[in-house]
Amino acid sequence: MKILRIFLLLLFAIPANAGLYGKSYSNIDFYDPVTGLYYKSIVSKKEKKSFLSSGSDKRISNISIFDPETNTISLLFADKNDLRDISLLLFETGHKDDSIEFFGTRYSNRIKNNVNIAERALKNKMLIVVVEAETLTKTLWAAEKNGKNLTKLLTVPVKTHWHIDVKNSKIRTVKQVNGKIEIKSYDW
């Protein structure tokens, strides 16, 4: 009986893979206040690998983009890949209190150096992060807000810290290597 209690305690206290990919399922259902485009997630079921798997059994495999002006729908990713796991969609939506507002602000830890920003035209691009569970990597993609010109920016291990430096229009990766900090910058 004592062994059973310990097993149950461990089962519920330490969820397997918790936080490994830095993602939990969330629905995208949003109009961009700048362009008027409507974004809706396309959801696929995840395969459960074990009874210890944590998190939702759903994943965002693609994003549909509806243009109310033309009454057309397009997909962000042209291919049908139900295994894709989009963990983040992020784009600028406004300027307030000398900073840039973003759709996806629950990821505010990814937005840095966002103070004393002079009012400017908002970027017509979005950042998409896809988790690759098999390779333990995250791939960052950029596209125009209408989904055109989808471009792969970089692929990093899931535990690599990255953020957007708003003031300098850069995406930065930060990791510790042999007791030193390594920083790489990419145009945003």
Foldseek 3Di string as FASTA:
>chain_A
DVVVVVVVCCLPVDQPCVCLLPAADDWQFDAQQPQRKTKGFDKAAADDPDPSHDHHRIAGQWIWIARPVVRDIDILDPDDDNLKHWGDKKFFRQADQQFTDMPPCVVVVQEPQGHNHPDDDTAQKIWIWIADVVVQKIWIWMDGVRSPPIGTFDIDHSPWDWHANVNVQWIWTWDDDPNDIDIDIDHD
